[in-house]
Amino acid sequence: MNLQAAKIPTTIITGFLGAGKTTLVRHILENAGGRRLAVIVNEFGSRGVDGEILQNCGLENCPETDIVELANGCLCCTVADDFVPTIEALMDRPNPPEYILIETSGLALPKPLIKAFGWPSIRSRLTVDGVIAVVDGPAVAAGRFADDPEDVARQRAADSSLDHDNPLAEVYEDQIRAADLVVLNKTDLMDAETLKRVTGMIQDSLPRAVKLVTATDGKLDLDVLLGLAVAAEDDLAARPSHHDAEDGEHEHDDFESFVVRVPELNAPEGLLTRLAAAVAAHDVLRVKGFLAVRAKPLRLEIQGVGSRFRQNFTRAWALDEVRDGHLVVIGRSGMDRAGIEAMIAG
């Protein structure tokens, strides 16, 4: 018997904040073709949004009980405490999944998670089918993950001994360097020249030959996304990380998040204008959450990456549910929380 074939394939989906990981996962669930799936979603912050989005998608092949949310931490840093027990609980069910998807936090490093598949209790039962890195094309084009030369020069002028690093660039580069497949997402927001430039930038950052595909809203054939069969846990050396010297250990002191409560709105337009202003003024990386709009029976989902915001009415409010909104704000450490909250409140 082929032991590798007997293992349950698992796909790790990584990518920076707002790249479109949850949208890609939902696309896979909606087109699973009868596969019995389980999903593990990890989020940065005390309140999850992405897991709730998936749990409410109402898909028969992936019921709510098969979507496990691990919030308030980085899965790559809590392998023993969170990941291993979660995986073991899934595998010990009477009817275990045929396939597992893991959506990491946008600030997570994938390599320590891949290494966890070498643990004896996991290695005999699962394999990493592949690591998919979802990339926000417009964010790369805008230089979100590149150093500002003037800023670096100012830091070095102030302290010549300073060992400059860019935590955004390091996380982004670790994510794509671990990948077996790069999905260059949001191509509908780029012209042909920008798409070509961004494609070249990504390929120049890859340590090895990795397939790169383009997508809008993560819509790709599942034959492209699943069935890579690379056994990534056996190929760690080909996936260099900025944190290899620390054996994958890293701090999240560079980033922080908080939740803003938003009372029921008469209309969302004013809030969206204030959000855009707050993001621009305070260099917020990510905003996401749900809002209540008066006279609307459905909950409004808000997704913001930089200056780009999307809104969509999703599920109905439950009869016993408080029609209260909340937004998760994620950014670099030292954000002016009071100032951001004041701008959002108006």
C-alpha atoms as a PDB file:
ATOM      1  CA  MET A   1       0.000   0.000   0.000  1.00  0.00           C
ATOM      2  CA  ASN A   2       1.273   3.491  -0.844  1.00  0.00           C
ATOM      3  CA  LEU A   3       1.476   5.202   2.550  1.00  0.00           C
ATOM      4  CA  GLN A   4       1.750   8.660   0.983  1.00  0.00           C
ATOM      5  CA  ALA A   5      -1.464   8.072  -0.938  1.00  0.00           C
ATOM      6  CA  ALA A   6      -3.215   6.967   2.251  1.00  0.00           C
ATOM      7  CA  LYS A   7      -2.493  10.285   3.959  1.00  0.00           C
ATOM      8  CA  ILE A   8      -5.138  12.992   3.949  1.00  0.00           C
ATOM      9  CA  PRO A   9      -3.985  15.893   1.742  1.00  0.00           C
ATOM     10  CA  THR A  10      -3.871  19.324   3.335  1.00  0.00           C
ATOM     11  CA  THR A  11      -3.478  22.642   1.548  1.00  0.00           C
ATOM     12  CA  ILE A  12      -1.977  25.613   3.395  1.00  0.00           C
ATOM     13  CA  ILE A  13      -3.270  28.934   2.077  1.00  0.00           C
ATOM     14  CA  THR A  14      -1.080  31.858   3.050  1.00  0.00           C
ATOM     15  CA  GLY A  15      -0.870  35.495   1.997  1.00  0.00           C
ATOM     16  CA  PHE A  16      -0.716  38.956   3.501  1.00  0.00           C
ATOM     17  CA  LEU A  17      -3.646  40.802   5.057  1.00  0.00           C
ATOM     18  CA  GLY A  18      -6.464  41.314   2.573  1.00  0.00           C
ATOM     19  CA  ALA A  19      -4.903  39.342  -0.282  1.00  0.00           C
ATOM     20  CA  GLY A  20      -8.094  37.320  -0.784  1.00  0.00           C
ATOM     21  CA  LYS A  21      -7.420  34.085   1.109  1.00  0.00           C
ATOM     22  CA  THR A  22     -10.947  33.713   2.503  1.00  0.00           C
ATOM     23  CA  THR A  23     -12.446  34.401  -0.921  1.00  0.00           C
ATOM     24  CA  LEU A  24     -10.235  31.677  -2.395  1.00  0.00           C
ATOM     25  CA  VAL A  25     -11.225  29.219   0.343  1.00  0.00           C
ATOM     26  CA  ARG A  26     -14.900  29.936  -0.252  1.00  0.00           C
ATOM     27  CA  HIS A  27     -14.407  29.395  -3.991  1.00  0.00           C
ATOM     28  CA  ILE A  28     -12.876  25.988  -3.251  1.00  0.00           C
ATOM     29  CA  LEU A  29     -15.773  25.074  -0.959  1.00  0.00           C
ATOM     30  CA  GLU A  30     -18.366  26.150  -3.505  1.00  0.00           C
ATOM     31  CA  ASN A  31     -16.735  24.035  -6.230  1.00  0.00           C
ATOM     32  CA  ALA A  32     -15.579  21.057  -4.170  1.00  0.00           C
ATOM     33  CA  GLY A  33     -17.325  18.530  -6.387  1.00  0.00           C
ATOM     34  CA  GLY A  34     -18.487  16.313  -3.533  1.00  0.00           C
ATOM     35  CA  ARG A  35     -15.207  16.327  -1.595  1.00  0.00           C
ATOM     36  CA  ARG A  36     -15.759  16.223   2.171  1.00  0.00           C
ATOM     37  CA  LEU A  37     -13.721  19.169   3.411  1.00  0.00           C
ATOM     38  CA  ALA A  38     -12.670  20.676   6.715  1.00  0.00           C
ATOM     39  CA  VAL A  39     -11.275  24.180   7.093  1.00  0.00           C
ATOM     40  CA  ILE A  40      -9.056  25.644   9.799  1.00  0.00           C
ATOM     41  CA  VAL A  41      -9.001  29.448   9.860  1.00  0.00           C
ATOM     42  CA  ASN A  42      -6.481  31.381  11.921  1.00  0.00           C
ATOM     43  CA  GLU A  43      -6.824  35.128  12.484  1.00  0.00           C
ATOM     44  CA  PHE A  44      -4.701  37.873  13.989  1.00  0.00           C
ATOM     45  CA  GLY A  45      -6.700  39.586  16.709  1.00  0.00           C
ATOM     46  CA  SER A  46      -9.179  38.833  19.441  1.00  0.00           C
ATOM     47  CA  ARG A  47     -12.261  38.706  17.217  1.00  0.00           C
ATOM     48  CA  GLY A  48     -12.572  36.583  14.109  1.00  0.00           C
ATOM     49  CA  VAL A  49     -14.289  37.624  10.895  1.00  0.00           C
ATOM     50  CA  ASP A  50     -13.105  35.221   8.191  1.00  0.00           C
ATOM     51  CA  GLY A  51     -14.173  32.085  10.028  1.00  0.00           C
ATOM     52  CA  GLU A  52     -17.632  33.508  10.540  1.00  0.00           C
ATOM     53  CA  ILE A  53     -17.881  34.351   6.837  1.00  0.00           C
ATOM     54  CA  LEU A  54     -17.125  30.732   5.934  1.00  0.00           C
ATOM     55  CA  GLN A  55     -19.355  29.269   8.642  1.00  0.00           C
ATOM     56  CA  ASN A  56     -22.304  31.140   7.191  1.00  0.00           C
ATOM     57  CA  CYS A  57     -21.778  30.074   3.587  1.00  0.00           C
ATOM     58  CA  GLY A  58     -24.336  27.248   3.981  1.00  0.00           C
ATOM     59  CA  LEU A  59     -22.537  24.620   1.909  1.00  0.00           C
ATOM     60  CA  GLU A  60     -23.651  21.012   2.327  1.00  0.00           C
ATOM     61  CA  ASN A  61     -20.191  19.488   1.790  1.00  0.00           C
ATOM     62  CA  CYS A  62     -18.640  21.694   4.477  1.00  0.00           C
ATOM     63  CA  PRO A  63     -21.068  22.223   7.375  1.00  0.00           C
ATOM     64  CA  GLU A  64     -20.405  24.782  10.068  1.00  0.00           C
ATOM     65  CA  THR A  65     -18.977  22.119  12.394  1.00  0.00           C
ATOM     66  CA  ASP A  66     -16.199  21.416   9.849  1.00  0.00           C
ATOM     67  CA  ILE A  67     -14.961  25.018   9.883  1.00  0.00           C
ATOM     68  CA  VAL A  68     -12.703  25.573  12.891  1.00  0.00           C
ATOM     69  CA  GLU A  69     -11.648  29.093  13.812  1.00  0.00           C
ATOM     70  CA  LEU A  70      -8.496  29.763  15.833  1.00  0.00           C
ATOM     71  CA  ALA A  71      -8.425  33.455  16.705  1.00  0.00           C
ATOM     72  CA  ASN A  72      -6.208  35.629  18.886  1.00  0.00           C
ATOM     73  CA  GLY A  73      -2.842  34.236  17.884  1.00  0.00           C
ATOM     74  CA  CYS A  74      -0.506  33.136  15.136  1.00  0.00           C
ATOM     75  CA  LEU A  75      -0.959  29.474  14.288  1.00  0.00           C
ATOM     76  CA  CYS A  76       2.708  29.149  13.354  1.00  0.00           C
ATOM     77  CA  CYS A  77       3.622  30.169  16.933  1.00  0.00           C
ATOM     78  CA  THR A  78       1.062  27.960  18.684  1.00  0.00           C
ATOM     79  CA  VAL A  79       1.540  24.658  16.868  1.00  0.00           C
ATOM     80  CA  ALA A  80       1.631  22.505  19.996  1.00  0.00           C
ATOM     81  CA  ASP A  81      -1.168  24.329  21.814  1.00  0.00           C
ATOM     82  CA  ASP A  82      -3.619  24.959  18.973  1.00  0.00           C
ATOM     83  CA  PHE A  83      -2.774  23.261  15.683  1.00  0.00           C
ATOM     84  CA  VAL A  84      -1.919  19.717  16.767  1.00  0.00           C
ATOM     85  CA  PRO A  85      -4.961  19.264  19.071  1.00  0.00           C
ATOM     86  CA  THR A  86      -7.257  20.735  16.394  1.00  0.00           C
ATOM     87  CA  ILE A  87      -5.919  18.426  13.704  1.00  0.00           C
ATOM     88  CA  GLU A  88      -6.114  15.401  15.983  1.00  0.00           C
ATOM     89  CA  ALA A  89      -9.716  16.221  16.903  1.00  0.00           C
ATOM     90  CA  LEU A  90     -10.652  16.434  13.220  1.00  0.00           C
ATOM     91  CA  MET A  91      -8.917  13.162  12.405  1.00  0.00           C
ATOM     92  CA  ASP A  92     -10.499  11.319  15.334  1.00  0.00           C
ATOM     93  CA  ARG A  93     -14.059  12.086  14.264  1.00  0.00           C
ATOM     94  CA  PRO A  94     -16.188   9.103  13.207  1.00  0.00           C
ATOM     95  CA  ASN A  95     -16.348  10.586   9.719  1.00  0.00           C
ATOM     96  CA  PRO A  96     -13.054  12.481   9.220  1.00  0.00           C
ATOM     97  CA  PRO A  97     -12.574  14.898   6.310  1.00  0.00           C
ATOM     98  CA  GLU A  98     -11.192  13.763   2.988  1.00  0.00           C
ATOM     99  CA  TYR A  99      -9.327  17.015   2.514  1.00  0.00           C
ATOM    100  CA  ILE A 100      -8.227  19.837   4.837  1.00  0.00           C
ATOM    101  CA  LEU A 101      -7.707  23.516   4.037  1.00  0.00           C
ATOM    102  CA  ILE A 102      -5.736  25.739   6.416  1.00  0.00           C
ATOM    103  CA  GLU A 103      -6.094  29.489   6.012  1.00  0.00           C
ATOM    104  CA  THR A 104      -3.326  31.183   7.974  1.00  0.00           C
ATOM    105  CA  SER A 105      -3.396  34.647   9.453  1.00  0.00           C
ATOM    106  CA  GLY A 106      -2.234  37.366   7.082  1.00  0.00           C
ATOM    107  CA  LEU A 107       0.719  37.946   9.412  1.00  0.00           C
ATOM    108  CA  ALA A 108       1.707  34.278   9.815  1.00  0.00           C
ATOM    109  CA  LEU A 109       4.854  32.613   8.556  1.00  0.00           C
ATOM    110  CA  PRO A 110       3.954  29.351   6.797  1.00  0.00           C
ATOM    111  CA  LYS A 111       7.239  27.475   7.251  1.00  0.00           C
ATOM    112  CA  PRO A 112       6.832  26.602  10.975  1.00  0.00           C
ATOM    113  CA  LEU A 113       3.364  25.282  10.170  1.00  0.00           C
ATOM    114  CA  ILE A 114       4.756  23.115   7.368  1.00  0.00           C
ATOM    115  CA  LYS A 115       7.353  21.766   9.805  1.00  0.00           C
ATOM    116  CA  ALA A 116       4.553  20.688  12.144  1.00  0.00           C
ATOM    117  CA  PHE A 117       3.521  18.089   9.571  1.00  0.00           C
ATOM    118  CA  GLY A 118       6.724  16.269  10.480  1.00  0.00           C
ATOM    119  CA  TRP A 119       5.420  15.603  14.002  1.00  0.00           C
ATOM    120  CA  PRO A 120       4.936  11.813  14.438  1.00  0.00           C
ATOM    121  CA  SER A 121       1.247  12.115  15.375  1.00  0.00           C
ATOM    122  CA  ILE A 122       0.559  14.068  12.191  1.00  0.00           C
ATOM    123  CA  ARG A 123       3.095  12.746   9.683  1.00  0.00           C
ATOM    124  CA  SER A 124       1.555   9.289   9.556  1.00  0.00           C
ATOM    125  CA  ARG A 125      -1.922  10.655   8.822  1.00  0.00           C
ATOM    126  CA  LEU A 126      -1.581  13.873   6.791  1.00  0.00           C
ATOM    127  CA  THR A 127       0.606  15.449   4.142  1.00  0.00           C
ATOM    128  CA  VAL A 128       0.924  18.994   2.832  1.00  0.00           C
ATOM    129  CA  ASP A 129      -0.504  18.698  -0.674  1.00  0.00           C
ATOM    130  CA  GLY A 130       0.835  22.175  -1.371  1.00  0.00           C
ATOM    131  CA  VAL A 131       1.295  25.714  -0.083  1.00  0.00           C
ATOM    132  CA  ILE A 132      -0.658  28.383  -1.951  1.00  0.00           C
ATOM    133  CA  ALA A 133       0.416  32.009  -1.510  1.00  0.00           C
ATOM    134  CA  VAL A 134      -2.276  34.522  -2.452  1.00  0.00           C
ATOM    135  CA  VAL A 135      -0.814  37.887  -3.464  1.00  0.00           C
ATOM    136  CA  ASP A 136      -2.632  41.227  -3.576  1.00  0.00           C
ATOM    137  CA  GLY A 137      -1.401  42.486  -6.954  1.00  0.00           C
ATOM    138  CA  PRO A 138      -2.349  46.162  -6.484  1.00  0.00           C
ATOM    139  CA  ALA A 139      -0.650  46.212  -3.055  1.00  0.00           C
ATOM    140  CA  VAL A 140       2.602  44.930  -4.571  1.00  0.00           C
ATOM    141  CA  ALA A 141       2.297  47.463  -7.395  1.00  0.00           C
ATOM    142  CA  ALA A 142       1.816  50.266  -4.874  1.00  0.00           C
ATOM    143  CA  GLY A 143       5.016  49.307  -3.060  1.00  0.00           C
ATOM    144  CA  ARG A 144       3.301  48.114   0.122  1.00  0.00           C
ATOM    145  CA  PHE A 145       6.016  45.490   0.689  1.00  0.00           C
ATOM    146  CA  ALA A 146       9.001  47.545  -0.504  1.00  0.00           C
ATOM    147  CA  ASP A 147      11.228  49.792   1.569  1.00  0.00           C
ATOM    148  CA  ASP A 148      10.783  53.536   1.286  1.00  0.00           C
ATOM    149  CA  PRO A 149      14.378  54.625   0.446  1.00  0.00           C
ATOM    150  CA  GLU A 150      13.892  58.037   2.036  1.00  0.00           C
ATOM    151  CA  ASP A 151      12.563  56.497   5.249  1.00  0.00           C
ATOM    152  CA  VAL A 152      15.478  54.051   5.415  1.00  0.00           C
ATOM    153  CA  ALA A 153      17.932  56.914   4.844  1.00  0.00           C
ATOM    154  CA  ARG A 154      16.363  58.921   7.675  1.00  0.00           C
ATOM    155  CA  GLN A 155      16.605  55.967  10.066  1.00  0.00           C
ATOM    156  CA  ARG A 156      20.242  55.345   9.216  1.00  0.00           C
ATOM    157  CA  ALA A 157      21.073  59.043   9.546  1.00  0.00           C
ATOM    158  CA  ALA A 158      19.566  59.033  13.041  1.00  0.00           C
ATOM    159  CA  ASP A 159      21.393  55.855  14.074  1.00  0.00           C
ATOM    160  CA  SER A 160      24.083  54.414  11.824  1.00  0.00           C
ATOM    161  CA  SER A 161      24.195  51.198  13.879  1.00  0.00           C
ATOM    162  CA  LEU A 162      20.490  50.494  13.343  1.00  0.00           C
ATOM    163  CA  ASP A 163      19.823  47.138  11.725  1.00  0.00           C
ATOM    164  CA  HIS A 164      16.944  48.190   9.502  1.00  0.00           C
ATOM    165  CA  ASP A 165      14.260  45.687   8.648  1.00  0.00           C
ATOM    166  CA  ASN A 166      10.815  45.927   7.115  1.00  0.00           C
ATOM    167  CA  PRO A 167       8.377  43.590   8.898  1.00  0.00           C
ATOM    168  CA  LEU A 168       5.788  43.878   6.104  1.00  0.00           C
ATOM    169  CA  ALA A 169       8.360  42.874   3.499  1.00  0.00           C
ATOM    170  CA  GLU A 170       9.685  40.017   5.640  1.00  0.00           C
ATOM    171  CA  VAL A 171       6.259  38.467   6.221  1.00  0.00           C
ATOM    172  CA  TYR A 172       5.283  38.850   2.551  1.00  0.00           C
ATOM    173  CA  GLU A 173       8.580  37.368   1.326  1.00  0.00           C
ATOM    174  CA  ASP A 174       8.423  34.452   3.772  1.00  0.00           C
ATOM    175  CA  GLN A 175       4.926  33.665   2.514  1.00  0.00           C
ATOM    176  CA  ILE A 176       5.759  33.577  -1.188  1.00  0.00           C
ATOM    177  CA  ARG A 177       9.083  31.803  -0.630  1.00  0.00           C
ATOM    178  CA  ALA A 178       7.249  28.934   1.054  1.00  0.00           C
ATOM    179  CA  ALA A 179       4.784  28.559  -1.820  1.00  0.00           C
ATOM    180  CA  ASP A 180       4.310  25.779  -4.340  1.00  0.00           C
ATOM    181  CA  LEU A 181       1.783  27.921  -6.200  1.00  0.00           C
ATOM    182  CA  VAL A 182       1.466  31.721  -6.244  1.00  0.00           C
ATOM    183  CA  VAL A 183      -1.969  33.158  -7.016  1.00  0.00           C
ATOM    184  CA  LEU A 184      -1.589  36.742  -8.218  1.00  0.00           C
ATOM    185  CA  ASN A 185      -5.010  38.009  -7.221  1.00  0.00           C
ATOM    186  CA  LYS A 186      -7.113  41.105  -8.014  1.00  0.00           C
ATOM    187  CA  THR A 187      -5.852  41.332 -11.577  1.00  0.00           C
ATOM    188  CA  ASP A 188      -9.043  43.166 -12.515  1.00  0.00           C
ATOM    189  CA  LEU A 189      -7.608  46.163 -10.650  1.00  0.00           C
ATOM    190  CA  MET A 190      -4.397  46.307 -12.727  1.00  0.00           C
ATOM    191  CA  ASP A 191      -3.694  47.241 -16.330  1.00  0.00           C
ATOM    192  CA  ALA A 192      -1.577  44.995 -18.562  1.00  0.00           C
ATOM    193  CA  GLU A 193       1.654  46.919 -17.985  1.00  0.00           C
ATOM    194  CA  THR A 194       1.252  46.864 -14.197  1.00  0.00           C
ATOM    195  CA  LEU A 195       0.385  43.164 -14.251  1.00  0.00           C
ATOM    196  CA  LYS A 196       3.563  42.410 -16.201  1.00  0.00           C
ATOM    197  CA  ARG A 197       5.675  44.500 -13.808  1.00  0.00           C
ATOM    198  CA  VAL A 198       4.190  42.880 -10.686  1.00  0.00           C
ATOM    199  CA  THR A 199       4.575  39.391 -12.149  1.00  0.00           C
ATOM    200  CA  GLY A 200       8.266  40.088 -12.721  1.00  0.00           C
ATOM    201  CA  MET A 201       8.692  41.444  -9.191  1.00  0.00           C
ATOM    202  CA  ILE A 202       7.173  38.304  -7.676  1.00  0.00           C
ATOM    203  CA  GLN A 203       9.193  35.941  -9.837  1.00  0.00           C
ATOM    204  CA  ASP A 204      12.393  37.777  -8.922  1.00  0.00           C
ATOM    205  CA  SER A 205      11.594  37.185  -5.224  1.00  0.00           C
ATOM    206  CA  LEU A 206      11.035  33.436  -5.549  1.00  0.00           C
ATOM    207  CA  PRO A 207      13.921  31.136  -4.552  1.00  0.00           C
ATOM    208  CA  ARG A 208      12.978  28.436  -7.051  1.00  0.00           C
ATOM    209  CA  ALA A 209      10.751  27.716 -10.015  1.00  0.00           C
ATOM    210  CA  VAL A 210       7.187  28.091  -8.750  1.00  0.00           C
ATOM    211  CA  LYS A 211       4.070  28.251 -10.883  1.00  0.00           C
ATOM    212  CA  LEU A 212       2.366  31.650 -10.863  1.00  0.00           C
ATOM    213  CA  VAL A 213      -1.246  32.029 -11.975  1.00  0.00           C
ATOM    214  CA  THR A 214      -3.432  35.130 -12.158  1.00  0.00           C
ATOM    215  CA  ALA A 215      -6.942  35.420 -10.786  1.00  0.00           C
ATOM    216  CA  THR A 216      -9.813  37.718  -9.930  1.00  0.00           C
ATOM    217  CA  ASP A 217     -11.581  36.917  -6.639  1.00  0.00           C
ATOM    218  CA  GLY A 218      -9.530  33.722  -6.439  1.00  0.00           C
ATOM    219  CA  LYS A 219     -11.574  32.080  -9.190  1.00  0.00           C
ATOM    220  CA  LEU A 220      -9.426  29.246 -10.478  1.00  0.00           C
ATOM    221  CA  ASP A 221     -10.076  25.656 -11.514  1.00  0.00           C
ATOM    222  CA  LEU A 222      -9.691  23.331  -8.544  1.00  0.00           C
ATOM    223  CA  ASP A 223      -7.405  21.123 -10.630  1.00  0.00           C
ATOM    224  CA  VAL A 224      -4.943  24.029 -10.497  1.00  0.00           C
ATOM    225  CA  LEU A 225      -5.306  24.580  -6.747  1.00  0.00           C
ATOM    226  CA  LEU A 226      -5.575  21.043  -5.380  1.00  0.00           C
ATOM    227  CA  GLY A 227      -3.781  17.810  -6.117  1.00  0.00           C
ATOM    228  CA  LEU A 228      -0.271  19.295  -6.213  1.00  0.00           C
ATOM    229  CA  ALA A 229       0.994  16.310  -4.164  1.00  0.00           C
ATOM    230  CA  VAL A 230       4.321  17.951  -3.304  1.00  0.00           C
ATOM    231  CA  ALA A 231       4.642  16.668   0.304  1.00  0.00           C
ATOM    232  CA  ALA A 232       5.971  20.068   1.339  1.00  0.00           C
ATOM    233  CA  GLU A 233       6.956  18.762   4.787  1.00  0.00           C
ATOM    234  CA  ASP A 234       9.778  16.838   3.069  1.00  0.00           C
ATOM    235  CA  ASP A 235      11.033  19.890   1.168  1.00  0.00           C
ATOM    236  CA  LEU A 236      11.693  22.506   3.849  1.00  0.00           C
ATOM    237  CA  ALA A 237      15.206  23.393   2.680  1.00  0.00           C
ATOM    238  CA  ALA A 238      13.825  24.768  -0.591  1.00  0.00           C
ATOM    239  CA  ARG A 239      11.684  27.289   1.322  1.00  0.00           C
ATOM    240  CA  PRO A 240      14.050  29.894   2.827  1.00  0.00           C
ATOM    241  CA  SER A 241      12.758  32.196   5.548  1.00  0.00           C
ATOM    242  CA  HIS A 242      13.998  35.427   7.109  1.00  0.00           C
ATOM    243  CA  HIS A 243      13.576  33.618  10.420  1.00  0.00           C
ATOM    244  CA  ASP A 244      15.512  30.413   9.706  1.00  0.00           C
ATOM    245  CA  ALA A 245      18.290  31.458  12.105  1.00  0.00           C
ATOM    246  CA  GLU A 246      15.698  31.642  14.895  1.00  0.00           C
ATOM    247  CA  ASP A 247      14.216  28.280  13.868  1.00  0.00           C
ATOM    248  CA  GLY A 248      11.067  30.044  12.725  1.00  0.00           C
ATOM    249  CA  GLU A 249      10.443  31.892  15.972  1.00  0.00           C
ATOM    250  CA  HIS A 250       9.267  35.477  15.568  1.00  0.00           C
ATOM    251  CA  GLU A 251       7.475  38.196  17.425  1.00  0.00           C
ATOM    252  CA  HIS A 252       4.311  40.024  16.465  1.00  0.00           C
ATOM    253  CA  ASP A 253       5.290  43.198  18.258  1.00  0.00           C
ATOM    254  CA  ASP A 254       5.458  44.937  14.879  1.00  0.00           C
ATOM    255  CA  PHE A 255       1.680  44.648  14.463  1.00  0.00           C
ATOM    256  CA  GLU A 256      -1.436  45.133  16.546  1.00  0.00           C
ATOM    257  CA  SER A 257      -5.210  45.040  16.209  1.00  0.00           C
ATOM    258  CA  PHE A 258      -8.277  46.295  18.017  1.00  0.00           C
ATOM    259  CA  VAL A 259     -12.046  46.132  17.617  1.00  0.00           C
ATOM    260  CA  VAL A 260     -14.264  49.173  17.084  1.00  0.00           C
ATOM    261  CA  ARG A 261     -17.943  48.871  17.981  1.00  0.00           C
ATOM    262  CA  VAL A 262     -20.258  50.566  15.472  1.00  0.00           C
ATOM    263  CA  PRO A 263     -23.900  51.245  16.451  1.00  0.00           C
ATOM    264  CA  GLU A 264     -26.652  50.623  13.916  1.00  0.00           C
ATOM    265  CA  LEU A 265     -26.351  52.995  10.950  1.00  0.00           C
ATOM    266  CA  ASN A 266     -28.997  54.835   8.943  1.00  0.00           C
ATOM    267  CA  ALA A 267     -26.800  54.357   5.851  1.00  0.00           C
ATOM    268  CA  PRO A 268     -23.221  53.064   5.376  1.00  0.00           C
ATOM    269  CA  GLU A 269     -21.889  55.699   2.969  1.00  0.00           C
ATOM    270  CA  GLY A 270     -20.817  58.202   5.616  1.00  0.00           C
ATOM    271  CA  LEU A 271     -18.976  55.547   7.609  1.00  0.00           C
ATOM    272  CA  LEU A 272     -17.117  54.328   4.522  1.00  0.00           C
ATOM    273  CA  THR A 273     -15.958  57.884   3.810  1.00  0.00           C
ATOM    274  CA  ARG A 274     -14.708  58.234   7.388  1.00  0.00           C
ATOM    275  CA  LEU A 275     -13.011  54.836   7.244  1.00  0.00           C
ATOM    276  CA  ALA A 276     -11.120  55.786   4.091  1.00  0.00           C
ATOM    277  CA  ALA A 277      -9.954  58.996   5.751  1.00  0.00           C
ATOM    278  CA  ALA A 278      -8.851  57.170   8.915  1.00  0.00           C
ATOM    279  CA  VAL A 279      -6.935  54.558   6.919  1.00  0.00           C
ATOM    280  CA  ALA A 280      -5.112  57.237   4.934  1.00  0.00           C
ATOM    281  CA  ALA A 281      -4.310  59.350   7.986  1.00  0.00           C
ATOM    282  CA  HIS A 282      -3.031  56.473  10.131  1.00  0.00           C
ATOM    283  CA  ASP A 283      -1.646  54.019   7.521  1.00  0.00           C
ATOM    284  CA  VAL A 284      -3.997  51.238   8.622  1.00  0.00           C
ATOM    285  CA  LEU A 285      -3.244  47.928   6.908  1.00  0.00           C
ATOM    286  CA  ARG A 286      -6.603  46.182   7.155  1.00  0.00           C
ATOM    287  CA  VAL A 287     -10.214  46.798   8.215  1.00  0.00           C
ATOM    288  CA  LYS A 288     -12.894  44.111   8.210  1.00  0.00           C
ATOM    289  CA  GLY A 289     -16.116  43.352  10.000  1.00  0.00           C
ATOM    290  CA  PHE A 290     -19.908  43.517   9.983  1.00  0.00           C
ATOM    291  CA  LEU A 291     -22.382  46.395  10.274  1.00  0.00           C
ATOM    292  CA  ALA A 292     -26.084  46.815  10.956  1.00  0.00           C
ATOM    293  CA  VAL A 293     -28.004  49.180   8.655  1.00  0.00           C
ATOM    294  CA  ARG A 294     -31.430  50.347   9.798  1.00  0.00           C
ATOM    295  CA  ALA A 295     -34.356  48.865   7.813  1.00  0.00           C
ATOM    296  CA  LYS A 296     -32.028  46.283   6.215  1.00  0.00           C
ATOM    297  CA  PRO A 297     -32.700  42.668   7.265  1.00  0.00           C
ATOM    298  CA  LEU A 298     -29.231  41.532   6.126  1.00  0.00           C
ATOM    299  CA  ARG A 299     -25.901  42.147   7.803  1.00  0.00           C
ATOM    300  CA  LEU A 300     -23.404  44.283   5.863  1.00  0.00           C
ATOM    301  CA  GLU A 301     -19.910  42.822   5.476  1.00  0.00           C
ATOM    302  CA  ILE A 302     -17.077  45.355   5.101  1.00  0.00           C
ATOM    303  CA  GLN A 303     -13.632  44.469   3.729  1.00  0.00           C
ATOM    304  CA  GLY A 304     -10.912  47.102   3.479  1.00  0.00           C
ATOM    305  CA  VAL A 305      -7.306  46.867   2.291  1.00  0.00           C
ATOM    306  CA  GLY A 306      -5.510  50.179   2.295  1.00  0.00           C
ATOM    307  CA  SER A 307      -7.761  52.681   0.544  1.00  0.00           C
ATOM    308  CA  ARG A 308      -9.830  49.946  -1.183  1.00  0.00           C
ATOM    309  CA  PHE A 309     -13.135  48.988   0.445  1.00  0.00           C
ATOM    310  CA  ARG A 310     -15.784  46.460  -0.543  1.00  0.00           C
ATOM    311  CA  GLN A 311     -19.216  45.995   0.974  1.00  0.00           C
ATOM    312  CA  ASN A 312     -21.716  43.210   0.610  1.00  0.00           C
ATOM    313  CA  PHE A 313     -24.975  42.307   2.345  1.00  0.00           C
ATOM    314  CA  THR A 314     -24.704  38.713   3.517  1.00  0.00           C
ATOM    315  CA  ARG A 315     -26.799  36.727   5.983  1.00  0.00           C
ATOM    316  CA  ALA A 316     -29.931  37.839   7.810  1.00  0.00           C
ATOM    317  CA  TRP A 317     -29.710  39.040  11.386  1.00  0.00           C
ATOM    318  CA  ALA A 318     -31.021  36.428  13.813  1.00  0.00           C
ATOM    319  CA  LEU A 319     -34.152  37.357  15.770  1.00  0.00           C
ATOM    320  CA  ASP A 320     -32.309  37.216  19.101  1.00  0.00           C
ATOM    321  CA  GLU A 321     -29.152  38.893  17.787  1.00  0.00           C
ATOM    322  CA  VAL A 322     -28.165  42.411  18.841  1.00  0.00           C
ATOM    323  CA  ARG A 323     -28.017  44.579  15.720  1.00  0.00           C
ATOM    324  CA  ASP A 324     -24.610  45.925  16.571  1.00  0.00           C
ATOM    325  CA  GLY A 325     -21.671  46.277  14.230  1.00  0.00           C
ATOM    326  CA  HIS A 326     -17.962  45.782  14.814  1.00  0.00           C
ATOM    327  CA  LEU A 327     -14.830  46.417  12.785  1.00  0.00           C
ATOM    328  CA  VAL A 328     -11.407  44.832  13.286  1.00  0.00           C
ATOM    329  CA  VAL A 329      -8.581  47.296  12.635  1.00  0.00           C
ATOM    330  CA  ILE A 330      -5.061  45.932  11.983  1.00  0.00           C
ATOM    331  CA  GLY A 331      -1.904  47.968  11.538  1.00  0.00           C
ATOM    332  CA  ARG A 332       1.661  48.581  12.619  1.00  0.00           C
ATOM    333  CA  SER A 333       2.334  48.784  16.343  1.00  0.00           C
ATOM    334  CA  GLY A 334       1.863  52.200  17.836  1.00  0.00           C
ATOM    335  CA  MET A 335      -1.338  53.041  15.985  1.00  0.00           C
ATOM    336  CA  ASP A 336      -3.242  56.008  17.406  1.00  0.00           C
ATOM    337  CA  ARG A 337      -6.251  53.989  18.517  1.00  0.00           C
ATOM    338  CA  ALA A 338      -8.081  56.950  20.007  1.00  0.00           C
ATOM    339  CA  GLY A 339      -7.531  59.014  16.871  1.00  0.00           C
ATOM    340  CA  ILE A 340      -8.703  56.227  14.574  1.00  0.00           C
ATOM    341  CA  GLU A 341     -11.805  55.558  16.679  1.00  0.00           C
ATOM    342  CA  ALA A 342     -12.624  59.280  16.726  1.00  0.00           C
ATOM    343  CA  MET A 343     -12.383  59.534  12.930  1.00  0.00           C
ATOM    344  CA  ILE A 344     -14.561  56.455  12.459  1.00  0.00           C
ATOM    345  CA  ALA A 345     -17.183  57.792  14.873  1.00  0.00           C
ATOM    346  CA  GLY A 346     -17.239  61.168  13.059  1.00  0.00           C
END
